[in-house]
Protein backbone atom coordinates (compact mmCIF):
# COMPACT_ATOMS: atom_id res chain seq x y z
CA MET A 1 -16.07 -29.20 22.19
CA GLU A 2 -17.74 -32.60 22.33
CA GLY A 3 -14.33 -34.15 23.07
CA VAL A 4 -14.24 -32.34 26.42
CA GLY A 5 -17.84 -33.16 27.29
CA VAL A 6 -19.40 -29.90 26.10
CA ARG A 7 -22.22 -30.27 23.57
CA PRO A 8 -22.38 -27.43 21.01
CA ASP A 9 -25.65 -25.52 20.68
CA THR A 10 -27.21 -23.76 17.67
CA TYR A 11 -25.34 -20.55 18.46
CA SER A 12 -21.99 -22.40 18.50
CA TYR A 13 -22.67 -24.08 15.16
CA ASN A 14 -23.83 -20.84 13.54
CA SER A 15 -20.73 -19.07 14.81
CA LEU A 16 -18.55 -21.79 13.27
CA VAL A 17 -20.39 -21.62 9.95
CA ASP A 18 -20.07 -17.83 9.91
CA GLY A 19 -16.37 -17.99 10.78
CA TYR A 20 -15.60 -20.47 8.00
CA CYS A 21 -17.60 -18.43 5.48
CA ARG A 22 -15.78 -15.22 6.40
CA LYS A 23 -12.50 -17.00 5.67
CA GLY A 24 -13.83 -18.40 2.39
CA LEU A 25 -13.65 -21.99 3.66
CA MET A 26 -16.99 -23.10 2.24
CA ASN A 27 -16.25 -26.84 2.45
CA ASN A 28 -15.66 -26.52 6.20
CA ALA A 29 -18.81 -24.42 6.52
CA PHE A 30 -20.96 -27.09 4.83
CA GLU A 31 -19.35 -29.86 6.89
CA THR A 32 -20.45 -27.95 9.99
CA TYR A 33 -23.90 -27.50 8.41
CA ASP A 34 -24.15 -31.29 7.89
CA THR A 35 -23.02 -31.91 11.47
CA MET A 36 -25.79 -29.61 12.71
CA LEU A 37 -28.40 -31.63 10.84
CA ARG A 38 -26.98 -34.98 12.00
CA ASN A 39 -27.08 -33.82 15.60
CA GLY A 40 -30.71 -32.80 15.31
CA PHE A 41 -30.29 -29.02 15.27
CA THR A 42 -32.55 -26.83 13.16
CA VAL A 43 -30.80 -24.86 10.45
CA THR A 44 -32.14 -21.30 10.63
CA THR A 45 -32.19 -18.23 8.41
CA LEU A 46 -29.08 -17.08 10.27
CA THR A 47 -27.19 -20.16 9.07
CA TYR A 48 -28.26 -19.68 5.46
CA ASN A 49 -27.40 -15.98 5.57
CA ALA A 50 -23.82 -16.83 6.55
CA LEU A 51 -23.58 -19.35 3.69
CA LEU A 52 -25.07 -16.88 1.20
CA LYS A 53 -22.58 -14.23 2.31
CA GLY A 54 -19.72 -16.72 1.94
CA PHE A 55 -20.65 -17.62 -1.65
CA CYS A 56 -21.20 -13.98 -2.63
CA SER A 57 -17.89 -12.88 -1.10
CA LEU A 58 -16.11 -15.44 -3.27
CA GLY A 59 -18.05 -14.34 -6.36
CA LEU A 60 -19.86 -17.71 -6.55
CA ILE A 61 -23.20 -16.14 -7.42
CA ASP A 62 -24.70 -19.19 -9.12
CA ASP A 63 -23.99 -21.27 -6.01
CA ALA A 64 -25.56 -18.54 -3.88
CA LEU A 65 -28.70 -18.57 -6.05
CA ARG A 66 -28.97 -22.36 -5.84
CA LEU A 67 -28.68 -22.08 -2.06
CA TRP A 68 -31.42 -19.42 -2.09
CA PHE A 69 -33.86 -21.74 -3.88
CA PHE A 70 -32.83 -24.66 -1.65
CA MET A 71 -33.56 -22.46 1.35
CA LEU A 72 -37.04 -21.68 0.02
CA LYS A 73 -37.65 -25.37 -0.75
CA LYS A 74 -36.77 -26.26 2.85
CA GLY A 75 -39.36 -23.77 4.07
CA VAL A 76 -36.82 -21.41 5.63
CA ALA A 77 -38.04 -17.85 5.09
CA PRO A 78 -35.39 -15.37 3.87
CA ASN A 79 -35.22 -12.08 5.74
CA GLU A 80 -34.02 -8.63 4.70
CA ILE A 81 -30.38 -9.65 5.21
CA SER A 82 -30.82 -12.70 2.95
CA CYS A 83 -32.33 -10.52 0.22
CA SER A 84 -29.79 -7.71 0.43
CA THR A 85 -26.85 -10.18 0.54
CA LEU A 86 -27.93 -11.94 -2.63
CA LEU A 87 -28.84 -8.71 -4.42
CA ASP A 88 -25.50 -7.15 -3.50
CA GLY A 89 -23.74 -10.26 -4.80
CA PHE A 90 -25.50 -9.99 -8.17
CA PHE A 91 -24.72 -6.29 -8.49
CA LYS A 92 -21.04 -6.78 -7.63
CA ALA A 93 -20.82 -9.60 -10.17
CA GLY A 94 -22.14 -7.22 -12.83
CA LYS A 95 -25.42 -9.15 -13.19
CA THR A 96 -27.65 -6.10 -12.83
CA GLU A 97 -30.71 -7.40 -14.67
CA LYS A 98 -30.67 -10.66 -12.70
CA ALA A 99 -30.44 -8.60 -9.52
CA LEU A 100 -33.42 -6.46 -10.51
CA ASN A 101 -35.47 -9.52 -11.53
CA LEU A 102 -34.70 -11.18 -8.21
CA TRP A 103 -35.71 -8.00 -6.42
CA LYS A 104 -39.07 -7.97 -8.24
CA GLU A 105 -39.63 -11.61 -7.27
CA THR A 106 -38.87 -10.89 -3.62
CA LEU A 107 -41.19 -7.88 -3.71
CA ALA A 108 -43.95 -10.13 -5.06
CA ARG A 109 -43.34 -12.43 -2.08
CA GLY A 110 -43.70 -9.43 0.21
CA LEU A 111 -40.11 -9.71 1.42
CA ALA A 112 -38.08 -6.78 0.14
CA LYS A 113 -39.93 -3.67 1.33
CA ASN A 114 -37.33 -2.65 3.89
CA ILE A 115 -34.67 0.03 4.09
CA THR A 116 -31.73 -2.43 3.89
CA THR A 117 -32.88 -3.98 0.61
CA PHE A 118 -33.85 -0.64 -0.92
CA ASN A 119 -30.43 0.79 -0.12
CA THR A 120 -28.75 -2.28 -1.64
CA VAL A 121 -30.65 -1.85 -4.92
CA ILE A 122 -30.07 1.92 -4.99
CA ASN A 123 -26.36 1.36 -4.41
CA GLY A 124 -26.25 -1.22 -7.22
CA LEU A 125 -27.94 1.20 -9.64
CA CYS A 126 -25.64 4.06 -8.64
CA LYS A 127 -22.57 1.88 -9.21
CA ILE A 128 -23.57 1.46 -12.87
CA GLU A 129 -24.61 5.11 -13.23
CA ARG A 130 -28.35 4.46 -13.61
CA MET A 131 -29.09 7.50 -11.48
CA SER A 132 -32.61 8.28 -12.74
CA GLU A 133 -33.75 4.75 -11.79
CA ALA A 134 -32.11 5.13 -8.39
CA GLU A 135 -34.02 8.38 -7.76
CA GLU A 136 -37.28 6.79 -8.94
CA LEU A 137 -36.73 4.06 -6.38
CA VAL A 138 -36.33 6.70 -3.65
CA ASP A 139 -39.73 8.09 -4.64
CA ARG A 140 -41.24 4.60 -4.41
CA MET A 141 -39.74 4.20 -0.94
CA LYS A 142 -41.65 7.27 0.17
CA GLU A 143 -44.86 5.93 -1.39
CA TRP A 144 -44.43 2.61 0.43
CA ARG A 145 -43.88 4.40 3.75
CA CYS A 146 -40.27 3.31 3.95
CA PRO A 147 -38.58 6.70 4.33
CA PRO A 148 -35.01 7.06 3.00
CA ASP A 149 -32.28 7.27 5.64
CA ILE A 150 -28.88 8.95 5.62
CA ILE A 151 -27.34 5.93 3.83
CA THR A 152 -29.86 6.35 1.00
CA TYR A 153 -28.98 10.00 0.52
CA ARG A 154 -25.26 9.41 0.92
CA THR A 155 -25.44 6.70 -1.77
CA LEU A 156 -27.24 9.05 -4.17
CA VAL A 157 -24.76 11.87 -3.56
CA SER A 158 -21.86 9.45 -4.11
CA GLY A 159 -23.46 8.20 -7.33
CA TYR A 160 -23.81 11.70 -8.77
CA CYS A 161 -20.28 12.58 -7.66
CA LYS A 162 -18.87 9.57 -9.53
CA ILE A 163 -20.32 10.90 -12.80
CA GLY A 164 -19.29 14.48 -12.01
CA ASP A 165 -22.86 15.83 -11.76
CA MET A 166 -22.10 18.14 -8.86
CA ASP A 167 -25.24 20.26 -9.27
CA ARG A 168 -27.45 17.24 -8.65
CA ALA A 169 -25.17 15.97 -5.86
CA THR A 170 -25.44 19.35 -4.10
CA HIS A 171 -29.23 19.38 -4.56
CA ILE A 172 -29.56 15.93 -2.93
CA MET A 173 -27.27 17.02 -0.10
CA ASN A 174 -29.41 20.11 0.56
CA GLU A 175 -32.58 17.99 0.53
CA MET A 176 -30.95 15.62 3.00
CA GLU A 177 -30.04 18.49 5.34
CA ASN A 178 -33.57 19.90 5.16
CA LEU A 179 -34.81 16.54 6.44
CA GLY A 180 -32.49 16.81 9.44
CA PHE A 181 -29.65 14.55 8.26
CA ALA A 182 -26.23 16.11 8.93
CA PRO A 183 -23.53 15.55 6.29
CA THR A 184 -20.82 13.11 7.37
CA VAL A 185 -17.12 12.84 6.58
CA GLU A 186 -18.01 10.08 4.10
CA LEU A 187 -20.31 12.44 2.21
CA PHE A 188 -17.66 15.15 1.99
CA ASN A 189 -15.19 12.53 0.74
CA SER A 190 -17.59 11.81 -2.13
CA LEU A 191 -17.86 15.53 -2.90
CA ILE A 192 -14.05 15.80 -3.10
CA THR A 193 -13.94 12.93 -5.60
CA GLY A 194 -16.79 14.49 -7.56
CA HIS A 195 -15.13 17.88 -7.86
CA PHE A 196 -11.99 16.22 -9.24
CA ILE A 197 -14.07 14.34 -11.82
CA ALA A 198 -15.92 17.55 -12.73
CA LYS A 199 -12.59 19.43 -12.98
CA GLN A 200 -13.78 21.84 -10.29
CA HIS A 201 -10.51 21.95 -8.37
CA GLY A 202 -11.17 25.48 -7.17
CA LYS A 203 -13.99 24.25 -4.95
CA LEU A 204 -11.86 21.81 -2.97
CA ASN A 205 -10.64 24.34 -0.41
CA GLY A 206 -14.24 25.35 0.20
CA ILE A 207 -15.19 21.73 0.89
CA LEU A 208 -12.33 21.30 3.35
CA PHE A 209 -13.22 24.61 5.04
CA GLU A 210 -16.86 23.54 5.40
CA MET A 211 -15.76 20.24 6.94
CA SER A 212 -13.71 22.19 9.46
CA THR A 213 -16.56 24.55 10.39
CA ARG A 214 -18.79 21.52 11.02
CA GLY A 215 -16.16 20.01 13.31
CA LEU A 216 -15.35 17.17 10.91
CA SER A 217 -11.71 16.09 10.61
CA PRO A 218 -10.35 14.65 7.34
CA ASN A 219 -9.74 10.90 7.64
CA THR A 220 -7.60 8.49 5.63
CA VAL A 221 -10.28 8.27 2.92
CA THR A 222 -10.38 12.08 2.65
CA TYR A 223 -6.64 12.20 2.09
CA GLY A 224 -6.91 9.24 -0.27
CA ALA A 225 -9.45 11.12 -2.41
CA LEU A 226 -7.27 14.24 -2.46
CA ILE A 227 -4.02 12.38 -3.17
CA ALA A 228 -5.57 10.19 -5.89
CA GLY A 229 -7.22 13.25 -7.42
CA TRP A 230 -4.05 15.30 -7.61
CA CYS A 231 -2.12 12.27 -8.89
CA LYS A 232 -4.60 11.94 -11.76
CA GLU A 233 -4.12 15.64 -12.49
CA GLY A 234 -0.36 15.04 -12.58
CA ASP A 235 0.30 17.31 -9.59
CA LEU A 236 2.63 14.95 -7.76
CA HIS A 237 4.06 17.75 -5.60
CA THR A 238 0.68 18.53 -4.01
CA ALA A 239 -0.16 14.84 -3.68
CA TYR A 240 3.11 14.05 -1.92
CA ASN A 241 2.74 17.04 0.43
CA LEU A 242 -0.71 15.75 1.39
CA TYR A 243 0.81 12.35 2.10
CA PHE A 244 3.28 13.87 4.56
CA GLU A 245 0.53 16.03 6.06
CA MET A 246 -1.62 12.99 6.84
CA VAL A 247 1.34 11.15 8.35
CA GLU A 248 2.07 14.15 10.58
CA LYS A 249 -1.54 13.99 11.76
CA GLY A 250 -1.07 10.36 12.77
CA LEU A 251 -3.03 8.85 9.86
CA THR A 252 -1.65 5.75 8.16
CA PRO A 253 -1.58 5.71 4.33
CA ASN A 254 -3.49 2.76 2.92
CA LEU A 255 -2.98 0.61 -0.15
CA PHE A 256 -5.12 2.92 -2.32
CA ILE A 257 -2.95 5.94 -1.49
CA CYS A 258 0.24 3.97 -2.03
CA SER A 259 -0.90 2.72 -5.44
CA ALA A 260 -2.00 6.22 -6.52
CA LEU A 261 1.42 7.69 -5.74
CA VAL A 262 3.34 4.82 -7.34
CA SER A 263 1.15 4.92 -10.43
CA CYS A 264 1.70 8.68 -10.78
CA PHE A 265 5.47 8.30 -10.50
CA TYR A 266 5.40 5.65 -13.23
CA ARG A 267 3.26 7.80 -15.53
CA LYS A 268 5.80 10.59 -15.17
CA GLY A 269 8.69 8.22 -15.91
CA LYS A 270 10.10 8.55 -12.39
CA VAL A 271 10.91 4.86 -12.05
CA ASP A 272 13.50 5.21 -9.29
CA GLU A 273 11.16 7.41 -7.28
CA ALA A 274 8.36 4.87 -7.68
CA ASN A 275 10.62 2.15 -6.36
CA SER A 276 11.64 4.40 -3.47
CA VAL A 277 8.00 5.10 -2.63
CA LEU A 278 7.33 1.38 -2.55
CA GLN A 279 10.19 0.81 -0.14
CA ASN A 280 9.02 3.64 2.12
CA LEU A 281 5.27 3.18 1.92
CA VAL A 282 4.68 -0.54 1.71
CA GLY A 283 3.82 -1.73 5.20
CA THR A 284 2.27 -4.97 6.27
CA ASP A 285 -0.64 -3.12 7.86
CA MET A 286 -1.78 -1.87 4.45
CA ILE A 287 -2.88 -5.29 3.34
CA PRO A 288 -5.26 -7.38 5.45
CA ASP A 289 -3.78 -10.64 6.71
CA ILE A 290 -0.57 -10.38 4.68
CA SER A 291 1.43 -11.10 7.82
CA ALA A 292 -0.77 -14.04 8.85
CA PRO A 293 0.98 -17.45 8.82
CA ARG A 294 -1.26 -18.55 5.96
CA LEU A 295 -1.96 -16.05 3.18
CA GLU A 296 -5.68 -15.90 2.42
CA ILE A 297 -5.65 -14.80 -1.20
CA GLY A 298 -9.46 -14.65 -1.37
CA LYS A 299 -9.66 -12.13 1.46
CA VAL A 300 -6.89 -9.98 -0.02
CA ALA A 301 -8.61 -10.17 -3.42
CA ASN A 302 -11.90 -8.96 -1.94
CA PHE A 303 -10.11 -6.08 -0.26
CA ILE A 304 -8.37 -5.05 -3.49
CA ASP A 305 -11.57 -5.37 -5.54
CA THR A 306 -13.34 -3.10 -3.07
CA VAL A 307 -10.59 -0.48 -2.96
CA ALA A 308 -9.91 -0.52 -6.72
CA ASP A 309 -13.65 -0.23 -7.43
CA GLY A 310 -13.39 -1.86 -10.85
CA ASN A 311 -10.25 0.00 -11.95
CA HIS A 312 -8.05 -2.77 -13.38
CA HIS A 313 -4.95 -0.56 -13.48
CA SER A 314 -5.30 0.28 -9.77
CA ALA A 315 -5.94 -3.38 -8.95
CA LYS A 316 -2.81 -4.39 -10.84
CA ILE A 317 -0.68 -1.84 -8.97
CA MET A 318 -2.11 -3.12 -5.67
CA TRP A 319 -1.37 -6.76 -6.50
CA ASN A 320 2.18 -5.71 -7.33
CA ILE A 321 2.42 -4.05 -3.92
CA VAL A 322 1.07 -7.19 -2.22
CA ILE A 323 3.77 -9.21 -3.97
CA PHE A 324 6.38 -6.64 -2.92
CA GLY A 325 5.10 -6.68 0.65
CA LEU A 326 5.37 -10.47 0.86
CA CYS A 327 8.92 -10.33 -0.46
CA LYS A 328 9.78 -7.63 2.07
CA LEU A 329 8.61 -9.99 4.81
CA GLY A 330 10.89 -12.68 3.39
CA ARG A 331 7.90 -14.77 2.31
CA ILE A 332 9.29 -15.49 -1.12
CA GLU A 333 7.38 -18.76 -1.60
CA ASP A 334 4.08 -17.03 -0.79
CA ALA A 335 4.95 -14.26 -3.25
CA LYS A 336 5.84 -16.74 -6.00
CA ASN A 337 2.71 -18.82 -5.35
CA LEU A 338 0.54 -15.69 -5.47
CA PHE A 339 2.26 -14.62 -8.68
CA ALA A 340 1.59 -18.04 -10.25
CA ASP A 341 -2.03 -17.99 -9.04
CA LEU A 342 -2.61 -14.52 -10.50
CA LYS A 343 -1.08 -15.51 -13.85
CA SER A 344 -3.36 -18.56 -14.03
CA LYS A 345 -6.32 -16.17 -13.66
CA GLY A 346 -5.24 -13.96 -16.54
CA PHE A 347 -3.07 -11.47 -14.67
CA VAL A 348 -0.55 -10.05 -17.16
CA ALA A 349 2.69 -9.25 -15.39
CA ASP A 350 4.54 -6.11 -16.43
CA ASN A 351 7.96 -4.60 -15.69
CA PHE A 352 6.61 -3.27 -12.41
CA THR A 353 5.45 -6.73 -11.31
CA TYR A 354 8.79 -8.34 -12.09
CA SER A 355 10.74 -5.43 -10.61
CA SER A 356 8.73 -5.76 -7.40
CA LEU A 357 9.46 -9.48 -7.18
CA ILE A 358 13.10 -9.09 -8.13
CA HIS A 359 13.64 -6.30 -5.62
CA GLY A 360 11.89 -8.27 -2.89
CA CYS A 361 13.91 -11.42 -3.59
CA SER A 362 17.19 -9.49 -3.79
CA ALA A 363 16.55 -7.58 -0.56
CA SER A 364 15.68 -10.84 1.21
CA GLY A 365 18.87 -12.56 0.07
CA PHE A 366 17.27 -14.81 -2.57
CA VAL A 367 19.56 -13.56 -5.34
CA ASP A 368 19.43 -16.68 -7.51
CA VAL A 369 15.62 -16.56 -7.47
CA ALA A 370 15.85 -12.89 -8.49
CA PHE A 371 18.06 -13.77 -11.47
CA ASP A 372 15.66 -16.57 -12.49
CA LEU A 373 12.86 -13.99 -12.51
CA ARG A 374 15.02 -11.69 -14.65
CA ASP A 375 15.45 -14.54 -17.14
CA THR A 376 11.69 -15.23 -17.12
CA MET A 377 11.10 -11.55 -17.72
CA LEU A 378 13.30 -11.64 -20.81
CA SER A 379 11.63 -14.83 -22.07
CA VAL A 380 8.18 -13.17 -22.10
CA GLY A 381 9.44 -10.18 -24.07
CA LEU A 382 9.89 -7.68 -21.23
CA THR A 383 13.05 -5.60 -21.00
CA PRO A 384 14.59 -5.20 -17.55
CA ASN A 385 15.37 -1.57 -16.75
CA ILE A 386 17.91 0.08 -14.45
CA VAL A 387 15.58 -0.42 -11.45
CA THR A 388 15.65 -4.17 -12.09
CA TYR A 389 19.43 -4.26 -12.36
CA ASN A 390 19.89 -1.98 -9.35
CA SER A 391 17.92 -4.52 -7.34
CA LEU A 392 20.09 -7.37 -8.62
CA ILE A 393 23.31 -5.48 -7.88
CA TYR A 394 22.02 -4.60 -4.42
CA GLY A 395 21.14 -8.25 -3.78
CA LEU A 396 24.59 -9.42 -4.84
CA CYS A 397 26.29 -6.80 -2.64
CA LYS A 398 24.11 -7.70 0.33
CA SER A 399 24.94 -11.39 -0.17
CA GLY A 400 28.68 -10.65 -0.19
CA GLU A 401 29.13 -11.33 -3.91
CA LEU A 402 30.91 -8.11 -4.83
CA SER A 403 32.76 -9.55 -7.84
CA ARG A 404 29.47 -10.73 -9.40
CA ALA A 405 27.96 -7.32 -8.72
CA VAL A 406 30.88 -5.57 -10.45
CA ASN A 407 30.69 -7.95 -13.43
CA LEU A 408 26.98 -7.26 -13.82
CA PHE A 409 27.65 -3.52 -13.55
CA LYS A 410 30.24 -3.75 -16.36
CA LYS A 411 27.70 -5.50 -18.61
CA LEU A 412 24.97 -2.86 -18.20
CA ARG A 413 25.97 -0.69 -21.15
CA THR A 414 26.17 -3.73 -23.45
CA LYS A 415 22.52 -4.28 -22.51
CA GLY A 416 21.69 -0.69 -23.47
CA ILE A 417 21.20 0.36 -19.85
CA CYS A 418 22.89 3.36 -18.23
CA PRO A 419 23.83 3.14 -14.54
CA ASN A 420 22.42 5.87 -12.29
CA ALA A 421 23.33 7.34 -8.90
CA ILE A 422 21.67 4.43 -7.08
CA THR A 423 23.81 1.93 -9.03
CA TYR A 424 27.02 3.71 -8.13
CA ASN A 425 26.05 4.36 -4.52
CA THR A 426 25.26 0.68 -4.00
CA LEU A 427 28.65 -0.40 -5.34
CA ILE A 428 30.56 2.37 -3.55
CA ASP A 429 28.89 1.40 -0.28
CA LYS A 430 29.89 -2.26 -0.65
CA HIS A 431 33.48 -1.40 -1.63
CA CYS A 432 33.79 0.83 1.44
CA LYS A 433 32.33 -1.80 3.75
CA ASP A 434 34.80 -4.36 2.41
CA GLY A 435 37.71 -1.94 2.89
CA TYR A 436 38.33 -1.20 -0.81
CA ILE A 437 38.46 2.59 -0.42
CA THR A 438 40.61 3.22 -3.51
CA GLU A 439 38.18 1.29 -5.74
CA ALA A 440 35.29 3.19 -4.16
CA PHE A 441 36.86 6.53 -5.12
CA LYS A 442 37.52 5.25 -8.65
CA LEU A 443 33.80 4.53 -8.93
CA LYS A 444 33.01 8.06 -7.74
CA GLN A 445 35.33 9.48 -10.40
CA ARG A 446 33.77 7.30 -13.11
CA MET A 447 30.37 8.43 -11.91
CA ILE A 448 31.34 12.09 -12.47
CA GLU A 449 32.88 11.33 -15.88
CA GLU A 450 29.57 9.81 -16.97
CA GLY A 451 27.73 12.99 -16.00
CA ILE A 452 26.17 11.64 -12.80
CA GLN A 453 26.60 14.00 -9.87
CA PRO A 454 27.49 12.38 -6.53
CA THR A 455 24.72 12.80 -3.97
CA VAL A 456 24.84 13.44 -0.24
CA PHE A 457 24.51 9.67 0.11
CA THR A 458 27.60 9.13 -2.09
CA TYR A 459 29.73 11.48 -0.01
CA SER A 460 28.40 10.14 3.30
CA ILE A 461 29.30 6.57 2.27
CA LEU A 462 32.84 7.56 1.30
CA ILE A 463 33.31 9.65 4.45
CA ASN A 464 32.16 6.69 6.52
CA GLY A 465 34.62 4.43 4.69
CA LEU A 466 37.49 6.81 5.43
CA CYS A 467 36.45 7.27 9.06
CA THR A 468 36.16 3.53 9.61
CA GLN A 469 39.81 3.11 8.60
CA GLY A 470 40.94 6.13 10.60
CA TYR A 471 41.69 8.46 7.67
CA MET A 472 40.13 11.49 9.32
CA GLU A 473 42.09 14.18 7.45
CA GLU A 474 40.94 12.74 4.11
CA ALA A 475 37.39 12.53 5.43
CA ILE A 476 37.40 16.26 6.32
CA LYS A 477 38.87 17.13 2.92
CA LEU A 478 36.05 15.18 1.28
CA LEU A 479 33.53 17.07 3.42
CA ASP A 480 35.00 20.37 2.17
CA GLN A 481 34.90 19.10 -1.43
CA MET A 482 31.29 18.09 -0.95
CA ILE A 483 30.33 21.60 0.20
CA GLU A 484 32.32 23.20 -2.65
CA ASN A 485 30.28 21.07 -5.08
CA ASN A 486 27.04 22.46 -3.58
CA VAL A 487 26.06 19.19 -1.93
CA ASP A 488 24.83 19.95 1.57
CA PRO A 489 25.98 17.53 4.29
CA ASN A 490 23.17 16.08 6.37
CA TYR A 491 22.95 14.79 9.91
CA VAL A 492 24.29 11.35 8.90
CA THR A 493 27.36 12.91 7.25
CA TYR A 494 28.35 14.80 10.38
CA TRP A 495 27.45 11.99 12.75
CA THR A 496 29.74 9.68 10.74
CA LEU A 497 32.61 12.10 11.30
CA ILE A 498 31.79 12.35 15.01
CA GLN A 499 31.92 8.56 15.33
CA GLY A 500 35.28 8.58 13.57
CA TYR A 501 36.70 11.10 16.01
CA VAL A 502 35.20 9.20 18.94
CA ARG A 503 37.18 6.14 17.86
CA CYS A 504 40.33 8.28 17.85
CA GLY A 505 39.52 10.14 21.06
CA ASN A 506 39.82 13.58 19.43
CA MET A 507 37.28 15.58 21.44
CA ILE A 508 38.46 18.95 20.08
CA GLU A 509 37.50 17.98 16.52
CA ILE A 510 34.18 16.60 17.76
CA SER A 511 33.42 20.01 19.25
CA LYS A 512 34.19 21.64 15.88
CA ILE A 513 31.82 19.23 14.11
CA TYR A 514 29.06 20.10 16.57
CA ASP A 515 29.62 23.79 15.81
CA LYS A 516 29.22 23.10 12.08
CA MET A 517 26.04 21.12 12.72
CA HIS A 518 24.68 23.94 14.85
CA ILE A 519 25.36 26.50 12.10
CA ARG A 520 23.48 24.34 9.58
CA GLY A 521 20.57 23.77 11.97
CA LEU A 522 21.24 20.03 12.19
CA LEU A 523 21.89 19.84 15.92
CA SER A 524 18.75 18.47 17.57
CA THR A 525 18.18 18.59 21.31
CA ASN A 526 18.52 14.82 21.67
CA VAL A 527 22.12 14.67 20.45
CA PRO A 528 24.36 13.59 23.35
CA GLY A 529 26.41 16.46 24.71
CA ASP A 530 29.39 14.35 25.68
CA VAL A 531 30.16 11.76 23.03
CA LYS A 532 33.11 10.49 25.06
CA GLN A 533 30.77 9.59 27.89
CA SER A 534 28.06 8.25 25.60
CA CYS A 535 30.47 5.83 23.91
CA PRO A 536 33.18 5.05 26.51
CA ALA A 537 33.80 1.53 25.23
CA VAL A 538 34.31 2.69 21.65
CA TYR A 539 36.49 5.55 22.84
CA ASN A 540 38.82 3.40 24.93
CA GLN A 541 39.07 0.43 22.56
CA ASN A 542 39.84 2.41 19.43
CA ARG A 543 42.10 5.19 20.69
CA ASN A 544 45.28 3.13 20.43
CA THR A 545 44.26 1.66 17.07
CA CYS A 546 43.93 5.10 15.53
CA GLN A 547 46.99 6.72 17.10
CA MET A 548 49.43 5.71 14.38
CA LYS A 549 47.28 6.98 11.52
CA MET A 550 46.17 10.04 13.43
CA HIS A 551 49.62 11.08 14.70
CA ASN A 552 49.97 13.86 12.14
CA GLN A 553 46.29 14.28 11.36
CA CYS A 554 44.37 14.93 14.57
C-alpha cells in the first residue's frame, strides 16, 4: 500500500494481522504487528484478540497464555472475546483445570461476567461430561443477572444428549421453551444423536415428525447424525438410503458422512464397496481448501478435529479421504507430503491409507509411485489386498501397460489373493479397447470357471468390444446369453448396441433395440428419436467400413 502512496491505518493493519492468523501464518502476523509499532500505531485489544485466536487455532496454548500476560503487562485490557478465546483454547487442548483457574482469575478481575464467556465455560464442561458443574454455572448466571440465552440451553441439551441422558435433555428443552426460546434444527440434531446413544431408535421418527410440524427442514448435519447413527448400528441399508435421500433434496454429503459410510463398509468387510463409495463420494468441496494452489494442512487439520470431535478412528478415516482427494486431483506430491507429515506426527498408516494413496496414484497415471507405495506397505508389515492390486492393475491398464497388468494378474494367487469381478472387468475392458476380443472372452470364461459371475458391466464391456469391430450378430447373441443368465441389461448395454448399428447404418435394428429398451422401462424422454440424424457423421463415415462384416449379419 505504501508503495503506491497509500498509508495503511489501524484498520488495515488489524485486517492483515487477522488474515494471517486465520491462515495460521503467525510469523507474518507478528511482522505486521511489529510494523504497526514502528509506524507509531497503537496496538489494540482487537489486534491481540486476532493473535490469541491464531495461537489457539494452531493448538499453541502456551504461546497464547504468554501473549495474554504480555497484553496485561502492556496495559491493554482484555474483553469478553479475549477471555472466551483463551478459555476455549484451553478446553480444546484438554487443559480443563487450567481453563477453570484462568476463568476464576478473570472473574476476580471483573472481566468474565458476560454471556459469551459463560457459554464458553459451559461448553467446555459439557464436552468433558461434567454436566452437574455446567448446570450449577447456569444457576450462577441467573444469580449474577446474566440470563442464559438459547446457546446456553442448546449447549446443555447437546451435553446431555452426548451421554445419552435423554430425560434430562428433554427437561432442559422444555424449560427453554417455557422461557420463550424455540427449538432450532441444531437442537433437534443433538436429540437425534442422543437417541442413538441411548438406544432409543424408536423415537427418531417422532423427532423428525416434530421438526416437520415446526416447519424445520433436516439439514446436512441432521442427515449426518442419522447416517452416522445407523452406520454405528450396522444398518448400512438405511444409512445408504438416507444418503441418496439427502442428495435428492439437493444437500451435499460432507466429510463426516463420507467417513461414516466408508467406516461401516470396512467394519462389515465390504472392502470393494468402501473403495467404490470413496470414488463416488469424495469431492473436493468436502474438504476446505483442498483445491487451493497451496494446501494449508493446519486449516484442514482444524476442520477434521472439529468434525471428528475427538474420535481418532473417524479422524483417521477423514485423513485417508483427504489423501485420496488430493490424489484424485492429480496432486500426488501434496498427497505424499501430507502423508509424510502425518507419519512424523504419529499417524499410523493402515491398509486403507495405503490403498487410498495407491488408488489415487494409479488413477492419476503415477503407476511407478503406486508400486513404490505397495513395496513400502509390505516393508512395514501390511499385506496388500485385492483392492490394492485392483488399483495397480487399473493403473497399468490406463497407462497402456497391458502385458504388465496381465503378469501381475497371473501372480495374484501366488500371493494368496483371489481376483474378483472388478479385477476381471478391468482386464476385459483393456483387452477389448486394444482389440483383443478373443483374449477378453477367454478371461470371461476363466472368470466363470473360478466361480465369479459376470456382471452387467462385464457383458456391456464385451458387447462394446464386439460392436466397435462391427461384430453385431455376436453382440446380439451375447445380449441374449446375458438375459438367459439372469443379468439384466442396463441403459449403457443397449446404447452400446445402438451406437454399433449407427456405425453400420442399420436403422431397422436400432428400432428393435428401442422397443426392447421401452419394454424394460429404460427409454427416457431425452433419448434422441432419430439416431441417424443425431449422429450423421458417424453414420456416413462408418457405413462402408461395416458393410463387409455386416453383409450376412444385418
